[in-house]
Amino acid sequence: MIRNSWISRAAILALGAATLAGCTRMPPTTPVQGVGQAAGYGYAPTTGYAQTTGYAPATGYGAPQPVAQPAMAPTPMPIPVSDPAPTPAQGITGLTERKPDLCGAAKIADAVGKPSSVIPTLGLTRDYRIVEYRGIEAQVYVPNRVVFRLDEAGTITSIDCG
């Protein structure tokens, strides 16, 4: 415990020392003629500092001010060019190519609008699934399976394959 607090204090001191080491003083600027000397403040012109390029002292102030750069004419943005879209692939099988009515849903389409109690009396010889209102349905596609979808009252709203 004591060792950890010592390490954290040493880390904070090192961080503070690094922060202070990065601080440097700015060189004094040359005062403007007549501002400080005439008032008797004892300003003396400093020598030995190179004049920063791109700045000119403003009248009445000793701090350098940025010089306005000449305005350049805006260049127009180039128009992006893209390659044409590829042609769609042919001959893909699977879920994108569902064959219509493999389960025989058209034969029992007259059950739409009837209650779900009529499903066992339809005489289905293949698998079927009943999806209740807001029920959870697995996303497994079986093309030969009949799917009955019900509303909140238990009435068949649609019949399809899957």
N, C-alpha and C. Protein backbone atom coordinates (compact mmCIF):
# COMPACT_ATOMS: atom_id res chain seq x y z
N MET A 1 0.82 -1.19 0.00
CA MET A 1 0.00 0.00 0.00
C MET A 1 0.87 1.26 0.00
N ILE A 2 1.92 1.25 0.84
CA ILE A 2 2.81 2.41 0.92
C ILE A 2 3.56 2.55 -0.40
N ARG A 3 3.96 1.43 -0.95
CA ARG A 3 4.73 1.47 -2.19
C ARG A 3 3.89 2.04 -3.33
N ASN A 4 2.61 1.66 -3.40
CA ASN A 4 1.74 2.17 -4.47
C ASN A 4 1.55 3.67 -4.35
N SER A 5 1.40 4.21 -3.13
CA SER A 5 1.22 5.66 -3.00
C SER A 5 2.51 6.39 -3.36
N TRP A 6 3.66 5.81 -3.05
CA TRP A 6 4.92 6.43 -3.42
C TRP A 6 5.07 6.49 -4.93
N ILE A 7 4.67 5.40 -5.61
CA ILE A 7 4.78 5.35 -7.07
C ILE A 7 3.84 6.37 -7.70
N SER A 8 2.64 6.49 -7.17
CA SER A 8 1.70 7.46 -7.76
C SER A 8 2.18 8.89 -7.53
N ARG A 9 2.77 9.18 -6.35
CA ARG A 9 3.29 10.53 -6.12
C ARG A 9 4.45 10.84 -7.05
N ALA A 10 5.32 9.84 -7.26
CA ALA A 10 6.46 10.04 -8.17
C ALA A 10 5.97 10.28 -9.59
N ALA A 11 4.91 9.58 -10.00
CA ALA A 11 4.37 9.76 -11.35
C ALA A 11 3.77 11.15 -11.51
N ILE A 12 3.09 11.65 -10.47
CA ILE A 12 2.50 12.99 -10.55
C ILE A 12 3.59 14.04 -10.61
N LEU A 13 4.65 13.87 -9.82
CA LEU A 13 5.76 14.83 -9.87
C LEU A 13 6.45 14.81 -11.23
N ALA A 14 6.63 13.63 -11.80
CA ALA A 14 7.26 13.54 -13.12
C ALA A 14 6.40 14.19 -14.19
N LEU A 15 5.09 14.03 -14.09
CA LEU A 15 4.18 14.66 -15.04
C LEU A 15 4.23 16.18 -14.91
N GLY A 16 4.28 16.66 -13.66
CA GLY A 16 4.38 18.11 -13.46
C GLY A 16 5.68 18.66 -13.99
N ALA A 17 6.79 17.93 -13.77
CA ALA A 17 8.09 18.39 -14.27
C ALA A 17 8.12 18.41 -15.79
N ALA A 18 7.51 17.42 -16.41
CA ALA A 18 7.47 17.39 -17.88
C ALA A 18 6.63 18.53 -18.42
N THR A 19 5.57 18.86 -17.71
CA THR A 19 4.72 19.97 -18.16
C THR A 19 5.47 21.28 -18.06
N LEU A 20 6.16 21.49 -16.95
CA LEU A 20 6.90 22.74 -16.79
C LEU A 20 8.09 22.82 -17.73
N ALA A 21 8.69 21.69 -18.07
CA ALA A 21 9.83 21.71 -18.98
C ALA A 21 9.41 22.14 -20.38
N GLY A 22 8.16 21.91 -20.73
CA GLY A 22 7.69 22.30 -22.05
C GLY A 22 7.38 23.78 -22.16
N CYS A 23 7.29 24.48 -21.01
CA CYS A 23 6.99 25.92 -21.03
C CYS A 23 8.28 26.69 -21.30
N THR A 24 8.22 27.60 -22.24
CA THR A 24 9.36 28.48 -22.51
C THR A 24 8.87 29.91 -22.54
N ARG A 25 9.78 30.83 -22.27
CA ARG A 25 9.41 32.24 -22.32
C ARG A 25 9.49 32.73 -23.75
N MET A 26 8.58 33.61 -24.08
CA MET A 26 8.61 34.23 -25.40
C MET A 26 9.62 35.37 -25.36
N PRO A 27 10.36 35.60 -26.44
CA PRO A 27 11.30 36.72 -26.46
C PRO A 27 10.54 38.04 -26.48
N PRO A 28 11.10 39.07 -25.85
CA PRO A 28 10.39 40.36 -25.85
C PRO A 28 10.36 40.94 -27.25
N THR A 29 9.31 41.67 -27.53
CA THR A 29 9.18 42.30 -28.85
C THR A 29 9.79 43.69 -28.80
N THR A 30 10.14 44.20 -29.91
CA THR A 30 10.73 45.53 -30.01
C THR A 30 9.62 46.56 -29.81
N PRO A 31 9.77 47.48 -28.88
CA PRO A 31 8.71 48.46 -28.67
C PRO A 31 8.62 49.44 -29.84
N VAL A 32 7.46 49.98 -30.02
CA VAL A 32 7.24 50.97 -31.08
C VAL A 32 7.86 52.28 -30.63
N GLN A 33 8.49 52.96 -31.54
CA GLN A 33 9.18 54.21 -31.25
C GLN A 33 8.21 55.22 -30.67
N GLY A 34 8.53 55.78 -29.53
CA GLY A 34 7.75 56.86 -28.96
C GLY A 34 6.66 56.41 -28.02
N VAL A 35 6.36 55.15 -27.90
CA VAL A 35 5.27 54.74 -27.03
C VAL A 35 5.75 54.65 -25.59
N GLY A 36 6.79 53.87 -25.32
CA GLY A 36 7.24 53.68 -23.95
C GLY A 36 8.32 54.66 -23.54
N GLN A 37 9.18 55.04 -24.49
CA GLN A 37 10.31 55.88 -24.14
C GLN A 37 9.87 57.30 -23.84
N ALA A 38 8.91 57.81 -24.58
CA ALA A 38 8.47 59.19 -24.37
C ALA A 38 7.76 59.33 -23.03
N ALA A 39 7.12 58.26 -22.59
CA ALA A 39 6.41 58.33 -21.32
C ALA A 39 7.34 58.16 -20.14
N GLY A 40 8.60 57.82 -20.37
CA GLY A 40 9.58 57.71 -19.31
C GLY A 40 9.57 56.37 -18.61
N TYR A 41 9.15 55.33 -19.27
CA TYR A 41 9.10 54.03 -18.62
C TYR A 41 10.42 53.28 -18.72
N GLY A 42 11.38 53.78 -19.42
CA GLY A 42 12.69 53.17 -19.46
C GLY A 42 12.80 52.01 -20.44
N TYR A 43 11.93 51.94 -21.41
CA TYR A 43 12.06 50.89 -22.42
C TYR A 43 13.26 51.18 -23.28
N ALA A 44 14.01 50.15 -23.56
CA ALA A 44 15.15 50.29 -24.45
C ALA A 44 14.95 49.32 -25.60
N PRO A 45 15.28 49.71 -26.79
CA PRO A 45 15.11 48.78 -27.91
C PRO A 45 15.99 47.55 -27.73
N THR A 46 15.42 46.38 -27.97
CA THR A 46 16.18 45.14 -27.85
C THR A 46 16.77 44.78 -29.20
N THR A 47 17.88 44.11 -29.16
CA THR A 47 18.54 43.69 -30.39
C THR A 47 18.83 42.21 -30.30
N GLY A 48 19.13 41.61 -31.41
CA GLY A 48 19.53 40.22 -31.42
C GLY A 48 18.41 39.25 -31.77
N TYR A 49 17.19 39.71 -31.89
CA TYR A 49 16.07 38.84 -32.26
C TYR A 49 15.76 39.01 -33.74
N ALA A 50 15.58 37.93 -34.40
CA ALA A 50 15.27 37.97 -35.82
C ALA A 50 13.80 38.36 -36.00
N GLN A 51 13.53 39.15 -37.01
CA GLN A 51 12.15 39.55 -37.30
C GLN A 51 11.42 38.35 -37.90
N THR A 52 10.24 38.06 -37.38
CA THR A 52 9.45 36.95 -37.88
C THR A 52 8.89 37.33 -39.24
N THR A 53 9.03 36.44 -40.22
CA THR A 53 8.53 36.74 -41.55
C THR A 53 7.04 36.53 -41.61
N GLY A 54 6.36 37.33 -42.41
CA GLY A 54 4.91 37.19 -42.57
C GLY A 54 4.13 38.06 -41.62
N TYR A 55 4.81 38.81 -40.72
CA TYR A 55 4.13 39.68 -39.76
C TYR A 55 4.68 41.09 -39.89
N ALA A 56 3.82 42.05 -39.71
CA ALA A 56 4.24 43.44 -39.72
C ALA A 56 3.64 44.10 -38.48
N PRO A 57 4.41 44.93 -37.76
CA PRO A 57 3.86 45.57 -36.57
C PRO A 57 2.76 46.56 -36.94
N ALA A 58 1.70 46.53 -36.14
CA ALA A 58 0.61 47.48 -36.36
C ALA A 58 1.02 48.82 -35.80
N THR A 59 0.41 49.88 -36.28
CA THR A 59 0.77 51.21 -35.80
C THR A 59 0.25 51.39 -34.39
N GLY A 60 1.09 51.86 -33.50
CA GLY A 60 0.69 52.13 -32.13
C GLY A 60 0.83 50.94 -31.19
N TYR A 61 1.16 49.78 -31.69
CA TYR A 61 1.28 48.60 -30.85
C TYR A 61 2.63 47.94 -31.10
N GLY A 62 3.14 47.23 -30.11
CA GLY A 62 4.43 46.58 -30.26
C GLY A 62 4.31 45.12 -30.68
N ALA A 63 3.11 44.54 -30.65
CA ALA A 63 2.94 43.13 -31.00
C ALA A 63 2.83 42.99 -32.50
N PRO A 64 3.49 41.97 -33.08
CA PRO A 64 3.37 41.77 -34.52
C PRO A 64 1.98 41.28 -34.88
N GLN A 65 1.49 41.70 -36.01
CA GLN A 65 0.17 41.33 -36.50
C GLN A 65 0.32 40.55 -37.80
N PRO A 66 -0.58 39.60 -38.10
CA PRO A 66 -0.46 38.85 -39.35
C PRO A 66 -0.72 39.74 -40.56
N VAL A 67 0.01 39.45 -41.61
CA VAL A 67 -0.14 40.17 -42.86
C VAL A 67 -1.14 39.40 -43.72
N ALA A 68 -2.07 40.11 -44.33
CA ALA A 68 -3.09 39.47 -45.17
C ALA A 68 -2.43 38.85 -46.39
N GLN A 69 -2.77 37.62 -46.65
CA GLN A 69 -2.26 36.92 -47.82
C GLN A 69 -3.15 37.25 -49.02
N PRO A 70 -2.60 37.28 -50.22
CA PRO A 70 -3.44 37.56 -51.39
C PRO A 70 -4.44 36.42 -51.60
N ALA A 71 -5.65 36.81 -51.95
CA ALA A 71 -6.71 35.82 -52.18
C ALA A 71 -6.44 35.06 -53.46
N MET A 72 -6.63 33.76 -53.40
CA MET A 72 -6.42 32.92 -54.58
C MET A 72 -7.78 32.58 -55.18
N ALA A 73 -7.81 32.44 -56.46
CA ALA A 73 -9.05 32.09 -57.15
C ALA A 73 -9.43 30.66 -56.78
N PRO A 74 -10.69 30.42 -56.41
CA PRO A 74 -11.09 29.05 -56.05
C PRO A 74 -11.06 28.14 -57.27
N THR A 75 -10.51 26.97 -57.07
CA THR A 75 -10.48 26.00 -58.16
C THR A 75 -11.72 25.13 -58.07
N PRO A 76 -12.34 24.82 -59.19
CA PRO A 76 -13.56 24.01 -59.15
C PRO A 76 -13.24 22.58 -58.71
N MET A 77 -14.16 22.00 -57.95
CA MET A 77 -14.00 20.63 -57.50
C MET A 77 -14.17 19.68 -58.69
N PRO A 78 -13.31 18.67 -58.79
CA PRO A 78 -13.48 17.72 -59.89
C PRO A 78 -14.73 16.86 -59.66
N ILE A 79 -15.37 16.49 -60.73
CA ILE A 79 -16.55 15.65 -60.67
C ILE A 79 -16.10 14.21 -60.47
N PRO A 80 -16.63 13.54 -59.42
CA PRO A 80 -16.20 12.15 -59.20
C PRO A 80 -16.70 11.23 -60.31
N VAL A 81 -15.83 10.34 -60.71
CA VAL A 81 -16.16 9.39 -61.76
C VAL A 81 -16.15 8.00 -61.14
N SER A 82 -17.22 7.26 -61.38
CA SER A 82 -17.28 5.90 -60.84
C SER A 82 -17.49 4.91 -61.98
N ASP A 83 -17.10 3.70 -61.71
CA ASP A 83 -17.28 2.65 -62.70
C ASP A 83 -18.77 2.29 -62.79
N PRO A 84 -19.20 1.80 -63.94
CA PRO A 84 -20.60 1.38 -64.04
C PRO A 84 -20.87 0.17 -63.13
N ALA A 85 -22.12 0.03 -62.74
CA ALA A 85 -22.51 -1.08 -61.86
C ALA A 85 -22.30 -2.41 -62.57
N PRO A 86 -21.86 -3.43 -61.83
CA PRO A 86 -21.67 -4.73 -62.47
C PRO A 86 -23.02 -5.35 -62.84
N THR A 87 -22.98 -6.22 -63.81
CA THR A 87 -24.21 -6.90 -64.21
C THR A 87 -24.59 -7.94 -63.17
N PRO A 88 -25.88 -8.14 -62.93
CA PRO A 88 -26.30 -9.13 -61.93
C PRO A 88 -25.89 -10.54 -62.34
N ALA A 89 -25.55 -11.33 -61.35
CA ALA A 89 -25.15 -12.71 -61.60
C ALA A 89 -26.36 -13.55 -61.99
N GLN A 90 -26.14 -14.50 -62.83
CA GLN A 90 -27.20 -15.38 -63.30
C GLN A 90 -27.00 -16.78 -62.73
N GLY A 91 -28.08 -17.50 -62.50
CA GLY A 91 -27.99 -18.88 -62.09
C GLY A 91 -27.80 -19.09 -60.60
N ILE A 92 -28.08 -18.07 -59.78
CA ILE A 92 -27.94 -18.22 -58.34
C ILE A 92 -29.18 -18.94 -57.82
N THR A 93 -28.96 -19.94 -56.99
CA THR A 93 -30.08 -20.68 -56.42
C THR A 93 -30.13 -20.45 -54.92
N GLY A 94 -31.18 -20.84 -54.29
CA GLY A 94 -31.30 -20.68 -52.85
C GLY A 94 -32.51 -19.82 -52.52
N LEU A 95 -32.38 -19.00 -51.49
CA LEU A 95 -33.49 -18.20 -51.04
C LEU A 95 -33.90 -17.11 -52.01
N THR A 96 -32.99 -16.70 -52.89
CA THR A 96 -33.35 -15.67 -53.85
C THR A 96 -34.21 -16.22 -54.97
N GLU A 97 -34.27 -17.51 -55.11
CA GLU A 97 -35.05 -18.13 -56.18
C GLU A 97 -36.07 -19.09 -55.56
N ARG A 98 -37.14 -18.55 -55.01
CA ARG A 98 -38.18 -19.38 -54.40
C ARG A 98 -39.15 -19.81 -55.48
N LYS A 99 -39.34 -21.07 -55.54
CA LYS A 99 -40.29 -21.58 -56.53
C LYS A 99 -41.69 -21.42 -55.96
N PRO A 100 -42.62 -20.96 -56.74
CA PRO A 100 -43.95 -20.67 -56.21
C PRO A 100 -44.70 -21.93 -55.79
N ASP A 101 -45.28 -21.87 -54.62
CA ASP A 101 -46.24 -22.85 -54.10
C ASP A 101 -45.75 -24.29 -54.15
N LEU A 102 -44.56 -24.55 -53.62
CA LEU A 102 -44.08 -25.93 -53.51
C LEU A 102 -44.83 -26.70 -52.43
N CYS A 103 -45.42 -25.98 -51.48
CA CYS A 103 -46.10 -26.64 -50.36
C CYS A 103 -47.59 -26.86 -50.63
N GLY A 104 -48.12 -26.30 -51.69
CA GLY A 104 -49.54 -26.48 -52.01
C GLY A 104 -50.44 -25.53 -51.25
N ALA A 105 -49.96 -24.32 -50.95
CA ALA A 105 -50.75 -23.34 -50.20
C ALA A 105 -51.96 -22.85 -51.00
N ALA A 106 -51.88 -22.89 -52.32
CA ALA A 106 -53.01 -22.41 -53.14
C ALA A 106 -54.22 -23.33 -52.99
N LYS A 107 -54.00 -24.60 -52.68
CA LYS A 107 -55.11 -25.55 -52.55
C LYS A 107 -55.93 -25.29 -51.29
N ILE A 108 -55.30 -24.71 -50.27
CA ILE A 108 -56.00 -24.46 -49.01
C ILE A 108 -56.19 -22.97 -48.76
N ALA A 109 -56.12 -22.15 -49.80
CA ALA A 109 -56.23 -20.70 -49.66
C ALA A 109 -57.60 -20.27 -49.16
N ASP A 110 -58.62 -21.12 -49.29
CA ASP A 110 -59.95 -20.73 -48.81
C ASP A 110 -60.03 -20.71 -47.28
N ALA A 111 -58.97 -21.17 -46.57
CA ALA A 111 -58.96 -21.15 -45.11
C ALA A 111 -58.59 -19.78 -44.56
N VAL A 112 -58.16 -18.85 -45.41
CA VAL A 112 -57.83 -17.49 -44.96
C VAL A 112 -59.12 -16.82 -44.49
N GLY A 113 -59.06 -16.23 -43.30
CA GLY A 113 -60.23 -15.58 -42.72
C GLY A 113 -61.00 -16.48 -41.76
N LYS A 114 -60.65 -17.76 -41.68
CA LYS A 114 -61.31 -18.69 -40.76
C LYS A 114 -60.49 -18.80 -39.48
N PRO A 115 -61.07 -19.31 -38.39
CA PRO A 115 -60.31 -19.46 -37.15
C PRO A 115 -59.26 -20.55 -37.27
N SER A 116 -58.26 -20.50 -36.38
CA SER A 116 -57.16 -21.45 -36.44
C SER A 116 -57.58 -22.87 -36.08
N SER A 117 -58.76 -23.04 -35.51
CA SER A 117 -59.23 -24.38 -35.16
C SER A 117 -59.56 -25.22 -36.39
N VAL A 118 -59.61 -24.60 -37.56
CA VAL A 118 -59.92 -25.32 -38.79
C VAL A 118 -58.67 -25.98 -39.40
N ILE A 119 -57.48 -25.64 -38.92
CA ILE A 119 -56.23 -26.15 -39.51
C ILE A 119 -56.14 -27.68 -39.43
N PRO A 120 -56.44 -28.32 -38.29
CA PRO A 120 -56.33 -29.79 -38.25
C PRO A 120 -57.34 -30.49 -39.17
N THR A 121 -58.41 -29.83 -39.55
CA THR A 121 -59.43 -30.45 -40.41
C THR A 121 -59.13 -30.28 -41.89
N LEU A 122 -58.02 -29.62 -42.25
CA LEU A 122 -57.71 -29.40 -43.66
C LEU A 122 -57.13 -30.63 -44.33
N GLY A 123 -56.73 -31.63 -43.59
CA GLY A 123 -56.20 -32.86 -44.17
C GLY A 123 -54.81 -32.69 -44.75
N LEU A 124 -53.95 -31.97 -44.09
CA LEU A 124 -52.58 -31.75 -44.58
C LEU A 124 -51.75 -33.01 -44.36
N THR A 125 -51.02 -33.42 -45.38
CA THR A 125 -50.14 -34.59 -45.29
C THR A 125 -48.67 -34.18 -45.15
N ARG A 126 -48.39 -32.92 -45.17
CA ARG A 126 -47.00 -32.43 -45.04
C ARG A 126 -46.88 -31.56 -43.79
N ASP A 127 -45.65 -31.18 -43.48
CA ASP A 127 -45.40 -30.36 -42.30
C ASP A 127 -46.07 -29.00 -42.45
N TYR A 128 -46.48 -28.44 -41.32
CA TYR A 128 -46.99 -27.07 -41.32
C TYR A 128 -46.56 -26.38 -40.03
N ARG A 129 -46.58 -25.04 -40.09
CA ARG A 129 -46.18 -24.21 -38.96
C ARG A 129 -47.27 -23.18 -38.74
N ILE A 130 -47.58 -22.95 -37.45
CA ILE A 130 -48.57 -21.92 -37.11
C ILE A 130 -47.81 -20.80 -36.40
N VAL A 131 -47.89 -19.62 -36.96
CA VAL A 131 -47.22 -18.46 -36.37
C VAL A 131 -48.30 -17.58 -35.77
N GLU A 132 -48.31 -17.50 -34.45
CA GLU A 132 -49.31 -16.69 -33.77
C GLU A 132 -49.00 -15.21 -33.91
N TYR A 133 -49.96 -14.39 -33.53
CA TYR A 133 -49.82 -12.95 -33.60
C TYR A 133 -48.65 -12.52 -32.72
N ARG A 134 -47.70 -11.82 -33.30
CA ARG A 134 -46.48 -11.36 -32.63
C ARG A 134 -45.65 -12.52 -32.08
N GLY A 135 -45.80 -13.67 -32.66
CA GLY A 135 -45.04 -14.83 -32.21
C GLY A 135 -43.64 -14.85 -32.78
N ILE A 136 -42.78 -15.62 -32.16
CA ILE A 136 -41.40 -15.76 -32.62
C ILE A 136 -41.35 -16.87 -33.66
N GLU A 137 -40.70 -16.58 -34.76
CA GLU A 137 -40.61 -17.54 -35.86
C GLU A 137 -39.15 -17.75 -36.22
N ALA A 138 -38.70 -19.01 -36.23
CA ALA A 138 -37.33 -19.31 -36.63
C ALA A 138 -37.15 -18.99 -38.11
N GLN A 139 -35.98 -18.51 -38.46
CA GLN A 139 -35.72 -18.09 -39.84
C GLN A 139 -35.11 -19.23 -40.66
N VAL A 140 -35.73 -20.38 -40.60
CA VAL A 140 -35.30 -21.54 -41.37
C VAL A 140 -36.34 -21.75 -42.46
N TYR A 141 -35.89 -21.68 -43.71
CA TYR A 141 -36.81 -21.81 -44.84
C TYR A 141 -36.88 -23.27 -45.28
N VAL A 142 -38.08 -23.83 -45.21
CA VAL A 142 -38.34 -25.18 -45.71
C VAL A 142 -39.40 -25.02 -46.79
N PRO A 143 -39.05 -25.20 -48.06
CA PRO A 143 -39.98 -24.89 -49.14
C PRO A 143 -41.23 -25.76 -49.16
N ASN A 144 -41.20 -26.95 -48.58
CA ASN A 144 -42.36 -27.83 -48.62
C ASN A 144 -43.27 -27.69 -47.40
N ARG A 145 -42.95 -26.78 -46.50
CA ARG A 145 -43.75 -26.61 -45.28
C ARG A 145 -44.78 -25.49 -45.48
N VAL A 146 -46.00 -25.70 -45.00
CA VAL A 146 -47.07 -24.70 -45.06
C VAL A 146 -46.99 -23.86 -43.79
N VAL A 147 -47.08 -22.55 -43.95
CA VAL A 147 -47.02 -21.63 -42.82
C VAL A 147 -48.35 -20.89 -42.74
N PHE A 148 -49.01 -21.00 -41.57
CA PHE A 148 -50.24 -20.28 -41.29
C PHE A 148 -49.91 -19.11 -40.37
N ARG A 149 -50.28 -17.91 -40.75
CA ARG A 149 -50.05 -16.73 -39.92
C ARG A 149 -51.40 -16.27 -39.37
N LEU A 150 -51.42 -16.03 -38.04
CA LEU A 150 -52.66 -15.69 -37.35
C LEU A 150 -52.63 -14.23 -36.88
N ASP A 151 -53.82 -13.65 -36.71
CA ASP A 151 -53.90 -12.32 -36.12
C ASP A 151 -54.14 -12.45 -34.62
N GLU A 152 -54.38 -11.35 -33.94
CA GLU A 152 -54.52 -11.39 -32.48
C GLU A 152 -55.76 -12.12 -32.02
N ALA A 153 -56.77 -12.27 -32.88
CA ALA A 153 -58.00 -13.00 -32.52
C ALA A 153 -57.88 -14.48 -32.82
N GLY A 154 -56.78 -14.92 -33.47
CA GLY A 154 -56.60 -16.33 -33.82
C GLY A 154 -57.16 -16.67 -35.18
N THR A 155 -57.41 -15.68 -36.01
CA THR A 155 -57.92 -15.89 -37.36
C THR A 155 -56.75 -16.00 -38.32
N ILE A 156 -56.84 -16.88 -39.29
CA ILE A 156 -55.78 -17.08 -40.29
C ILE A 156 -55.76 -15.86 -41.21
N THR A 157 -54.63 -15.17 -41.27
CA THR A 157 -54.50 -13.98 -42.12
C THR A 157 -53.78 -14.28 -43.42
N SER A 158 -52.87 -15.26 -43.43
CA SER A 158 -52.19 -15.61 -44.67
C SER A 158 -51.67 -17.04 -44.58
N ILE A 159 -51.50 -17.64 -45.74
CA ILE A 159 -50.96 -18.99 -45.86
C ILE A 159 -49.88 -18.93 -46.94
N ASP A 160 -48.68 -19.37 -46.58
CA ASP A 160 -47.60 -19.41 -47.56
C ASP A 160 -46.66 -20.57 -47.25
N CYS A 161 -45.62 -20.68 -48.05
CA CYS A 161 -44.65 -21.77 -47.88
C CYS A 161 -43.44 -21.25 -47.12
N GLY A 162 -42.80 -22.11 -46.40
CA GLY A 162 -41.59 -21.71 -45.71
C GLY A 162 -41.39 -22.44 -44.45
